[in-house]
């Protein structure tokens, strides 16, 4: 005969809380870490440039990007290279 195990509402609440905590830890960068990929508006704020200037950086190959759907993403590492004056 198999044993029957009951799950209470409190068990489910505790599970929900633990699960949400783990999911948040996975999707948020840890302390001291920064995002690896930035969106166009984040790059413009970081470099203090206009949308047109960012477009020129893409066109002339100064700043590489990846387009997913309609969004463009830039590697933080590449942005640091531009800030340091070196290109890829």
PDB file of N, CA and C in Angstrom:
ATOM      1  N   UNK A   1       0.838  -1.174   0.000  1.00  0.00           N
ATOM      2  CA  UNK A   1       0.000   0.000   0.000  1.00  0.00           C
ATOM      3  C   UNK A   1       0.893   1.252   0.000  1.00  0.00           C
ATOM      4  N   UNK A   2       0.508   2.271  -0.771  1.00  0.00           N
ATOM      5  CA  UNK A   2       1.275   3.510  -0.829  1.00  0.00           C
ATOM      6  C   UNK A   2       0.788   4.508   0.202  1.00  0.00           C
ATOM      7  N   UNK A   3       1.738   5.250   0.729  1.00  0.00           N
ATOM      8  CA  UNK A   3       1.395   6.273   1.716  1.00  0.00           C
ATOM      9  C   UNK A   3       0.844   7.492   0.989  1.00  0.00           C
ATOM     10  N   UNK A   4      -0.143   8.115   1.576  1.00  0.00           N
ATOM     11  CA  UNK A   4      -0.734   9.323   1.006  1.00  0.00           C
ATOM     12  C   UNK A   4      -0.126  10.528   1.715  1.00  0.00           C
ATOM     13  N   UNK A   5       0.322  11.494   0.902  1.00  0.00           N
ATOM     14  CA  UNK A   5       0.927  12.689   1.448  1.00  0.00           C
ATOM     15  C   UNK A   5       0.045  13.877   1.110  1.00  0.00           C
ATOM     16  N   UNK A   6      -0.341  14.642   2.105  1.00  0.00           N
ATOM     17  CA  UNK A   6      -1.191  15.809   1.886  1.00  0.00           C
ATOM     18  C   UNK A   6      -0.343  17.071   1.809  1.00  0.00           C
ATOM     19  N   UNK A   7      -0.732  17.936   0.881  1.00  0.00           N
ATOM     20  CA  UNK A   7      -0.060  19.228   0.750  1.00  0.00           C
ATOM     21  C   UNK A   7      -1.056  20.294   1.172  1.00  0.00           C
ATOM     22  N   UNK A   8      -0.640  21.106   2.107  1.00  0.00           N
ATOM     23  CA  UNK A   8      -1.526  22.154   2.614  1.00  0.00           C
ATOM     24  C   UNK A   8      -1.316  23.454   1.848  1.00  0.00           C
ATOM     25  N   UNK A   9      -2.222  24.392   2.045  1.00  0.00           N
ATOM     26  CA  UNK A   9      -2.075  25.716   1.432  1.00  0.00           C
ATOM     27  C   UNK A   9      -0.794  26.384   1.909  1.00  0.00           C
ATOM     28  N   UNK A  10      -0.452  26.185   3.155  1.00  0.00           N
ATOM     29  CA  UNK A  10       0.781  26.778   3.701  1.00  0.00           C
ATOM     30  C   UNK A  10       2.012  26.182   3.019  1.00  0.00           C
ATOM     31  N   UNK A  11       1.985  24.882   2.722  1.00  0.00           N
ATOM     32  CA  UNK A  11       3.077  24.251   1.974  1.00  0.00           C
ATOM     33  C   UNK A  11       3.231  24.896   0.604  1.00  0.00           C
ATOM     34  N   UNK A  12       2.088  25.140  -0.064  1.00  0.00           N
ATOM     35  CA  UNK A  12       2.121  25.764  -1.388  1.00  0.00           C
ATOM     36  C   UNK A  12       2.637  27.199  -1.315  1.00  0.00           C
ATOM     37  N   UNK A  13       2.248  27.934  -0.288  1.00  0.00           N
ATOM     38  CA  UNK A  13       2.741  29.308  -0.122  1.00  0.00           C
ATOM     39  C   UNK A  13       4.256  29.329   0.085  1.00  0.00           C
ATOM     40  N   UNK A  14       4.751  28.414   0.889  1.00  0.00           N
ATOM     41  CA  UNK A  14       6.191  28.339   1.137  1.00  0.00           C
ATOM     42  C   UNK A  14       6.930  27.980  -0.148  1.00  0.00           C
ATOM     43  N   UNK A  15       6.378  27.047  -0.909  1.00  0.00           N
ATOM     44  CA  UNK A  15       6.985  26.652  -2.180  1.00  0.00           C
ATOM     45  C   UNK A  15       7.006  27.829  -3.149  1.00  0.00           C
ATOM     46  N   UNK A  16       5.905  28.559  -3.212  1.00  0.00           N
ATOM     47  CA  UNK A  16       5.810  29.729  -4.089  1.00  0.00           C
ATOM     48  C   UNK A  16       6.869  30.758  -3.720  1.00  0.00           C
ATOM     49  N   UNK A  17       7.018  31.010  -2.452  1.00  0.00           N
ATOM     50  CA  UNK A  17       7.994  31.988  -1.988  1.00  0.00           C
ATOM     51  C   UNK A  17       9.419  31.579  -2.358  1.00  0.00           C
ATOM     52  N   UNK A  18       9.752  30.329  -2.129  1.00  0.00           N
ATOM     53  CA  UNK A  18      11.088  29.815  -2.475  1.00  0.00           C
ATOM     54  C   UNK A  18      11.332  29.877  -3.978  1.00  0.00           C
ATOM     55  N   UNK A  19      10.330  29.508  -4.754  1.00  0.00           N
ATOM     56  CA  UNK A  19      10.452  29.512  -6.202  1.00  0.00           C
ATOM     57  C   UNK A  19      10.665  30.927  -6.734  1.00  0.00           C
ATOM     58  N   UNK A  20       9.891  31.878  -6.237  1.00  0.00           N
ATOM     59  CA  UNK A  20      10.049  33.269  -6.676  1.00  0.00           C
ATOM     60  C   UNK A  20      11.424  33.814  -6.313  1.00  0.00           C
ATOM     61  N   UNK A  21      11.912  33.482  -5.153  1.00  0.00           N
ATOM     62  CA  UNK A  21      13.242  33.931  -4.732  1.00  0.00           C
ATOM     63  C   UNK A  21      14.316  33.384  -5.671  1.00  0.00           C
ATOM     64  N   UNK A  22      14.204  32.117  -6.026  1.00  0.00           N
ATOM     65  CA  UNK A  22      15.179  31.501  -6.931  1.00  0.00           C
ATOM     66  C   UNK A  22      15.102  32.091  -8.330  1.00  0.00           C
ATOM     67  N   UNK A  23      13.901  32.358  -8.828  1.00  0.00           N
ATOM     68  CA  UNK A  23      13.742  32.942 -10.166  1.00  0.00           C
ATOM     69  C   UNK A  23      14.324  34.350 -10.192  1.00  0.00           C
ATOM     70  N   UNK A  24      14.050  35.136  -9.160  1.00  0.00           N
ATOM     71  CA  UNK A  24      14.601  36.492  -9.097  1.00  0.00           C
ATOM     72  C   UNK A  24      16.128  36.465  -9.089  1.00  0.00           C
ATOM     73  N   UNK A  25      16.703  35.528  -8.383  1.00  0.00           N
ATOM     74  CA  UNK A  25      18.161  35.414  -8.327  1.00  0.00           C
ATOM     75  C   UNK A  25      18.739  35.054  -9.689  1.00  0.00           C
ATOM     76  N   UNK A  26      17.997  34.278 -10.480  1.00  0.00           N
ATOM     77  CA  UNK A  26      18.480  33.874 -11.795  1.00  0.00           C
ATOM     78  C   UNK A  26      18.422  35.006 -12.811  1.00  0.00           C
ATOM     79  N   UNK A  27      17.375  35.851 -12.737  1.00  0.00           N
ATOM     80  CA  UNK A  27      17.212  36.870 -13.772  1.00  0.00           C
ATOM     81  C   UNK A  27      17.845  38.207 -13.408  1.00  0.00           C
ATOM     82  N   UNK A  28      18.185  38.422 -12.154  1.00  0.00           N
ATOM     83  CA  UNK A  28      18.832  39.663 -11.762  1.00  0.00           C
ATOM     84  C   UNK A  28      20.322  39.433 -11.628  1.00  0.00           C
ATOM     85  N   UNK A  29      21.123  40.384 -12.143  1.00  0.00           N
ATOM     86  CA  UNK A  29      22.561  40.222 -11.960  1.00  0.00           C
ATOM     87  C   UNK A  29      22.917  40.287 -10.480  1.00  0.00           C
ATOM     88  N   UNK A  30      23.929  39.540 -10.096  1.00  0.00           N
ATOM     89  CA  UNK A  30      24.358  39.519  -8.703  1.00  0.00           C
ATOM     90  C   UNK A  30      25.001  40.834  -8.299  1.00  0.00           C
ATOM     91  N   UNK A  31      25.230  41.004  -7.034  1.00  0.00           N
ATOM     92  CA  UNK A  31      25.846  42.223  -6.546  1.00  0.00           C
ATOM     93  C   UNK A  31      27.243  42.345  -7.115  1.00  0.00           C
ATOM     94  N   UNK A  32      27.561  43.546  -7.599  1.00  0.00           N
ATOM     95  CA  UNK A  32      28.874  43.780  -8.151  1.00  0.00           C
ATOM     96  C   UNK A  32      28.999  43.378  -9.612  1.00  0.00           C
ATOM     97  N   UNK A  33      27.991  42.704 -10.136  1.00  0.00           N
ATOM     98  CA  UNK A  33      28.026  42.324 -11.544  1.00  0.00           C
ATOM     99  C   UNK A  33      27.156  43.305 -12.323  1.00  0.00           C
ATOM    100  N   UNK A  34      27.480  43.494 -13.585  1.00  0.00           N
ATOM    101  CA  UNK A  34      26.658  44.350 -14.418  1.00  0.00           C
ATOM    102  C   UNK A  34      26.112  43.523 -15.570  1.00  0.00           C
ATOM    103  N   UNK A  35      25.167  44.103 -16.271  1.00  0.00           N
ATOM    104  CA  UNK A  35      24.566  43.406 -17.388  1.00  0.00           C
ATOM    105  C   UNK A  35      25.595  43.206 -18.496  1.00  0.00           C
ATOM    106  N   UNK A  36      25.487  42.112 -19.188  1.00  0.00           N
ATOM    107  CA  UNK A  36      26.414  41.825 -20.289  1.00  0.00           C
ATOM    108  C   UNK A  36      25.943  42.499 -21.579  1.00  0.00           C
ATOM    109  N   UNK A  37      24.647  42.630 -21.776  1.00  0.00           N
ATOM    110  CA  UNK A  37      24.078  43.217 -22.981  1.00  0.00           C
ATOM    111  C   UNK A  37      23.233  44.419 -22.610  1.00  0.00           C
ATOM    112  N   UNK A  38      23.329  45.493 -23.399  1.00  0.00           N
ATOM    113  CA  UNK A  38      22.564  46.710 -23.148  1.00  0.00           C
ATOM    114  C   UNK A  38      21.717  47.041 -24.370  1.00  0.00           C
ATOM    115  N   UNK A  39      20.574  47.676 -24.123  1.00  0.00           N
ATOM    116  CA  UNK A  39      19.707  48.134 -25.200  1.00  0.00           C
ATOM    117  C   UNK A  39      20.191  49.500 -25.670  1.00  0.00           C
ATOM    118  N   UNK A  40      19.682  49.937 -26.817  1.00  0.00           N
ATOM    119  CA  UNK A  40      20.111  51.206 -27.417  1.00  0.00           C
ATOM    120  C   UNK A  40      19.968  52.386 -26.465  1.00  0.00           C
ATOM    121  N   UNK A  41      18.822  52.493 -25.781  1.00  0.00           N
ATOM    122  CA  UNK A  41      18.634  53.642 -24.883  1.00  0.00           C
ATOM    123  C   UNK A  41      19.628  53.627 -23.723  1.00  0.00           C
ATOM    124  N   UNK A  42      19.992  52.444 -23.248  1.00  0.00           N
ATOM    125  CA  UNK A  42      20.975  52.343 -22.170  1.00  0.00           C
ATOM    126  C   UNK A  42      22.363  52.760 -22.653  1.00  0.00           C
ATOM    127  N   UNK A  43      22.693  52.386 -23.887  1.00  0.00           N
ATOM    128  CA  UNK A  43      23.985  52.749 -24.470  1.00  0.00           C
ATOM    129  C   UNK A  43      24.055  54.263 -24.670  1.00  0.00           C
ATOM    130  N   UNK A  44      22.961  54.853 -25.177  1.00  0.00           N
ATOM    131  CA  UNK A  44      22.938  56.308 -25.390  1.00  0.00           C
ATOM    132  C   UNK A  44      23.133  57.062 -24.085  1.00  0.00           C
ATOM    133  N   UNK A  45      22.495  56.588 -23.024  1.00  0.00           N
ATOM    134  CA  UNK A  45      22.665  57.233 -21.711  1.00  0.00           C
ATOM    135  C   UNK A  45      24.092  57.073 -21.207  1.00  0.00           C
ATOM    136  N   UNK A  46      24.637  55.878 -21.356  1.00  0.00           N
ATOM    137  CA  UNK A  46      25.984  55.591 -20.871  1.00  0.00           C
ATOM    138  C   UNK A  46      27.025  56.436 -21.589  1.00  0.00           C
ATOM    139  N   UNK A  47      26.891  56.565 -22.916  1.00  0.00           N
ATOM    140  CA  UNK A  47      27.856  57.315 -23.710  1.00  0.00           C
ATOM    141  C   UNK A  47      27.484  58.796 -23.859  1.00  0.00           C
ATOM    142  N   UNK A  48      26.266  59.133 -23.396  1.00  0.00           N
ATOM    143  CA  UNK A  48      25.759  60.507 -23.509  1.00  0.00           C
ATOM    144  C   UNK A  48      25.755  60.966 -24.972  1.00  0.00           C
ATOM    145  N   UNK A  49      25.111  60.148 -25.826  1.00  0.00           N
ATOM    146  CA  UNK A  49      25.055  60.444 -27.261  1.00  0.00           C
ATOM    147  C   UNK A  49      23.606  60.402 -27.747  1.00  0.00           C
ATOM    148  N   UNK A  50      23.390  60.964 -28.919  1.00  0.00           N
ATOM    149  CA  UNK A  50      22.058  60.993 -29.523  1.00  0.00           C
ATOM    150  C   UNK A  50      21.787  59.687 -30.281  1.00  0.00           C
ATOM    151  N   UNK A  51      20.514  59.457 -30.629  1.00  0.00           N
ATOM    152  CA  UNK A  51      20.203  58.274 -31.440  1.00  0.00           C
ATOM    153  C   UNK A  51      20.954  58.270 -32.775  1.00  0.00           C
ATOM    154  N   UNK A  52      21.109  59.441 -33.384  1.00  0.00           N
ATOM    155  CA  UNK A  52      21.826  59.538 -34.657  1.00  0.00           C
ATOM    156  C   UNK A  52      23.300  59.159 -34.522  1.00  0.00           C
ATOM    157  N   UNK A  53      23.920  59.608 -33.435  1.00  0.00           N
ATOM    158  CA  UNK A  53      25.325  59.267 -33.205  1.00  0.00           C
ATOM    159  C   UNK A  53      25.479  57.765 -32.995  1.00  0.00           C
ATOM    160  N   UNK A  54      24.558  57.166 -32.261  1.00  0.00           N
ATOM    161  CA  UNK A  54      24.607  55.717 -32.055  1.00  0.00           C
ATOM    162  C   UNK A  54      24.452  54.991 -33.387  1.00  0.00           C
ATOM    163  N   UNK A  55      23.555  55.486 -34.223  1.00  0.00           N
ATOM    164  CA  UNK A  55      23.374  54.880 -35.541  1.00  0.00           C
ATOM    165  C   UNK A  55      24.665  54.987 -36.353  1.00  0.00           C
ATOM    166  N   UNK A  56      25.336  56.127 -36.293  1.00  0.00           N
ATOM    167  CA  UNK A  56      26.602  56.287 -37.012  1.00  0.00           C
ATOM    168  C   UNK A  56      27.659  55.319 -36.499  1.00  0.00           C
ATOM    169  N   UNK A  57      27.696  55.096 -35.189  1.00  0.00           N
ATOM    170  CA  UNK A  57      28.655  54.139 -34.622  1.00  0.00           C
ATOM    171  C   UNK A  57      28.388  52.726 -35.133  1.00  0.00           C
ATOM    172  N   UNK A  58      27.112  52.405 -35.322  1.00  0.00           N
ATOM    173  CA  UNK A  58      26.760  51.089 -35.880  1.00  0.00           C
ATOM    174  C   UNK A  58      27.156  51.014 -37.350  1.00  0.00           C
ATOM    175  N   UNK A  59      26.805  52.047 -38.106  1.00  0.00           N
ATOM    176  CA  UNK A  59      27.041  52.045 -39.553  1.00  0.00           C
ATOM    177  C   UNK A  59      28.528  51.963 -39.876  1.00  0.00           C
ATOM    178  N   UNK A  60      29.356  52.749 -39.170  1.00  0.00           N
ATOM    179  CA  UNK A  60      30.782  52.759 -39.505  1.00  0.00           C
ATOM    180  C   UNK A  60      31.559  51.628 -38.832  1.00  0.00           C
ATOM    181  N   UNK A  61      30.853  50.773 -38.098  1.00  0.00           N
ATOM    182  CA  UNK A  61      31.493  49.593 -37.521  1.00  0.00           C
ATOM    183  C   UNK A  61      32.232  49.836 -36.214  1.00  0.00           C
ATOM    184  N   UNK A  62      32.098  51.034 -35.664  1.00  0.00           N
ATOM    185  CA  UNK A  62      32.764  51.334 -34.399  1.00  0.00           C
ATOM    186  C   UNK A  62      32.172  50.519 -33.260  1.00  0.00           C
ATOM    187  N   UNK A  63      30.858  50.319 -33.303  1.00  0.00           N
ATOM    188  CA  UNK A  63      30.172  49.603 -32.232  1.00  0.00           C
ATOM    189  C   UNK A  63      29.354  48.468 -32.830  1.00  0.00           C
ATOM    190  N   UNK A  64      29.735  47.246 -32.492  1.00  0.00           N
ATOM    191  CA  UNK A  64      29.006  46.072 -32.967  1.00  0.00           C
ATOM    192  C   UNK A  64      27.701  45.933 -32.201  1.00  0.00           C
ATOM    193  N   UNK A  65      26.737  45.289 -32.828  1.00  0.00           N
ATOM    194  CA  UNK A  65      25.440  45.077 -32.183  1.00  0.00           C
ATOM    195  C   UNK A  65      24.832  43.780 -32.684  1.00  0.00           C
ATOM    196  N   UNK A  66      23.829  43.327 -31.958  1.00  0.00           N
ATOM    197  CA  UNK A  66      23.055  42.155 -32.352  1.00  0.00           C
ATOM    198  C   UNK A  66      21.603  42.570 -32.365  1.00  0.00           C
ATOM    199  N   UNK A  67      20.915  42.256 -33.444  1.00  0.00           N
ATOM    200  CA  UNK A  67      19.508  42.612 -33.560  1.00  0.00           C
ATOM    201  C   UNK A  67      18.664  41.373 -33.345  1.00  0.00           C
ATOM    202  N   UNK A  68      17.750  41.469 -32.398  1.00  0.00           N
ATOM    203  CA  UNK A  68      16.823  40.375 -32.109  1.00  0.00           C
ATOM    204  C   UNK A  68      15.427  40.959 -32.191  1.00  0.00           C
ATOM    205  N   UNK A  69      14.661  40.473 -33.155  1.00  0.00           N
ATOM    206  CA  UNK A  69      13.361  41.089 -33.402  1.00  0.00           C
ATOM    207  C   UNK A  69      13.597  42.525 -33.852  1.00  0.00           C
ATOM    208  N   UNK A  70      12.967  43.467 -33.201  1.00  0.00           N
ATOM    209  CA  UNK A  70      13.176  44.870 -33.535  1.00  0.00           C
ATOM    210  C   UNK A  70      14.145  45.563 -32.605  1.00  0.00           C
ATOM    211  N   UNK A  71      14.702  44.837 -31.645  1.00  0.00           N
ATOM    212  CA  UNK A  71      15.579  45.442 -30.627  1.00  0.00           C
ATOM    213  C   UNK A  71      17.046  45.198 -30.966  1.00  0.00           C
ATOM    214  N   UNK A  72      17.854  46.223 -30.719  1.00  0.00           N
ATOM    215  CA  UNK A  72      19.299  46.091 -30.906  1.00  0.00           C
ATOM    216  C   UNK A  72      19.971  46.013 -29.549  1.00  0.00           C
ATOM    217  N   UNK A  73      20.907  45.082 -29.433  1.00  0.00           N
ATOM    218  CA  UNK A  73      21.631  44.870 -28.185  1.00  0.00           C
ATOM    219  C   UNK A  73      23.125  45.040 -28.436  1.00  0.00           C
ATOM    220  N   UNK A  74      23.807  45.603 -27.443  1.00  0.00           N
ATOM    221  CA  UNK A  74      25.231  45.891 -27.545  1.00  0.00           C
ATOM    222  C   UNK A  74      25.945  45.231 -26.380  1.00  0.00           C
ATOM    223  N   UNK A  75      27.093  44.617 -26.654  1.00  0.00           N
ATOM    224  CA  UNK A  75      27.883  43.996 -25.593  1.00  0.00           C
ATOM    225  C   UNK A  75      28.548  45.082 -24.765  1.00  0.00           C
ATOM    226  N   UNK A  76      28.456  44.962 -23.467  1.00  0.00           N
ATOM    227  CA  UNK A  76      29.074  45.925 -22.566  1.00  0.00           C
ATOM    228  C   UNK A  76      30.580  45.976 -22.806  1.00  0.00           C
ATOM    229  N   UNK A  77      31.168  44.841 -23.097  1.00  0.00           N
ATOM    230  CA  UNK A  77      32.603  44.747 -23.378  1.00  0.00           C
ATOM    231  C   UNK A  77      32.986  45.622 -24.582  1.00  0.00           C
ATOM    232  N   UNK A  78      32.151  45.613 -25.627  1.00  0.00           N
ATOM    233  CA  UNK A  78      32.413  46.426 -26.814  1.00  0.00           C
ATOM    234  C   UNK A  78      32.283  47.918 -26.499  1.00  0.00           C
ATOM    235  N   UNK A  79      31.336  48.253 -25.649  1.00  0.00           N
ATOM    236  CA  UNK A  79      31.148  49.660 -25.268  1.00  0.00           C
ATOM    237  C   UNK A  79      32.364  50.150 -24.496  1.00  0.00           C
ATOM    238  N   UNK A  80      32.903  49.307 -23.623  1.00  0.00           N
ATOM    239  CA  UNK A  80      34.115  49.679 -22.874  1.00  0.00           C
ATOM    240  C   UNK A  80      35.279  49.921 -23.833  1.00  0.00           C
ATOM    241  N   UNK A  81      35.378  49.101 -24.883  1.00  0.00           N
ATOM    242  CA  UNK A  81      36.462  49.292 -25.870  1.00  0.00           C
ATOM    243  C   UNK A  81      36.318  50.638 -26.563  1.00  0.00           C
ATOM    244  N   UNK A  82      35.081  51.026 -26.891  1.00  0.00           N
ATOM    245  CA  UNK A  82      34.857  52.324 -27.529  1.00  0.00           C
ATOM    246  C   UNK A  82      35.235  53.443 -26.569  1.00  0.00           C
ATOM    247  N   UNK A  83      34.856  53.302 -25.308  1.00  0.00           N
ATOM    248  CA  UNK A  83      35.191  54.331 -24.312  1.00  0.00           C
ATOM    249  C   UNK A  83      36.699  54.457 -24.123  1.00  0.00           C
ATOM    250  N   UNK A  84      37.411  53.350 -24.248  1.00  0.00           N
ATOM    251  CA  UNK A  84      38.861  53.370 -24.068  1.00  0.00           C
ATOM    252  C   UNK A  84      39.575  53.821 -25.344  1.00  0.00           C
ATOM    253  N   UNK A  85      38.782  54.052 -26.412  1.00  0.00           N
ATOM    254  CA  UNK A  85      39.386  54.555 -27.650  1.00  0.00           C
ATOM    255  C   UNK A  85      39.840  53.481 -28.606  1.00  0.00           C
ATOM    256  N   UNK A  86      39.646  52.229 -28.263  1.00  0.00           N
ATOM    257  CA  UNK A  86      40.056  51.143 -29.152  1.00  0.00           C
ATOM    258  C   UNK A  86      38.864  50.507 -29.806  1.00  0.00           C
ATOM    259  N   UNK A  87      39.023  50.145 -31.040  1.00  0.00           N
ATOM    260  CA  UNK A  87      37.952  49.442 -31.740  1.00  0.00           C
ATOM    261  C   UNK A  87      38.264  47.954 -31.752  1.00  0.00           C
ATOM    262  N   UNK A  88      37.256  47.146 -32.121  1.00  0.00           N
ATOM    263  CA  UNK A  88      37.429  45.711 -32.171  1.00  0.00           C
ATOM    264  C   UNK A  88      38.453  45.449 -33.213  1.00  0.00           C
TER     265      UNK A  88
END
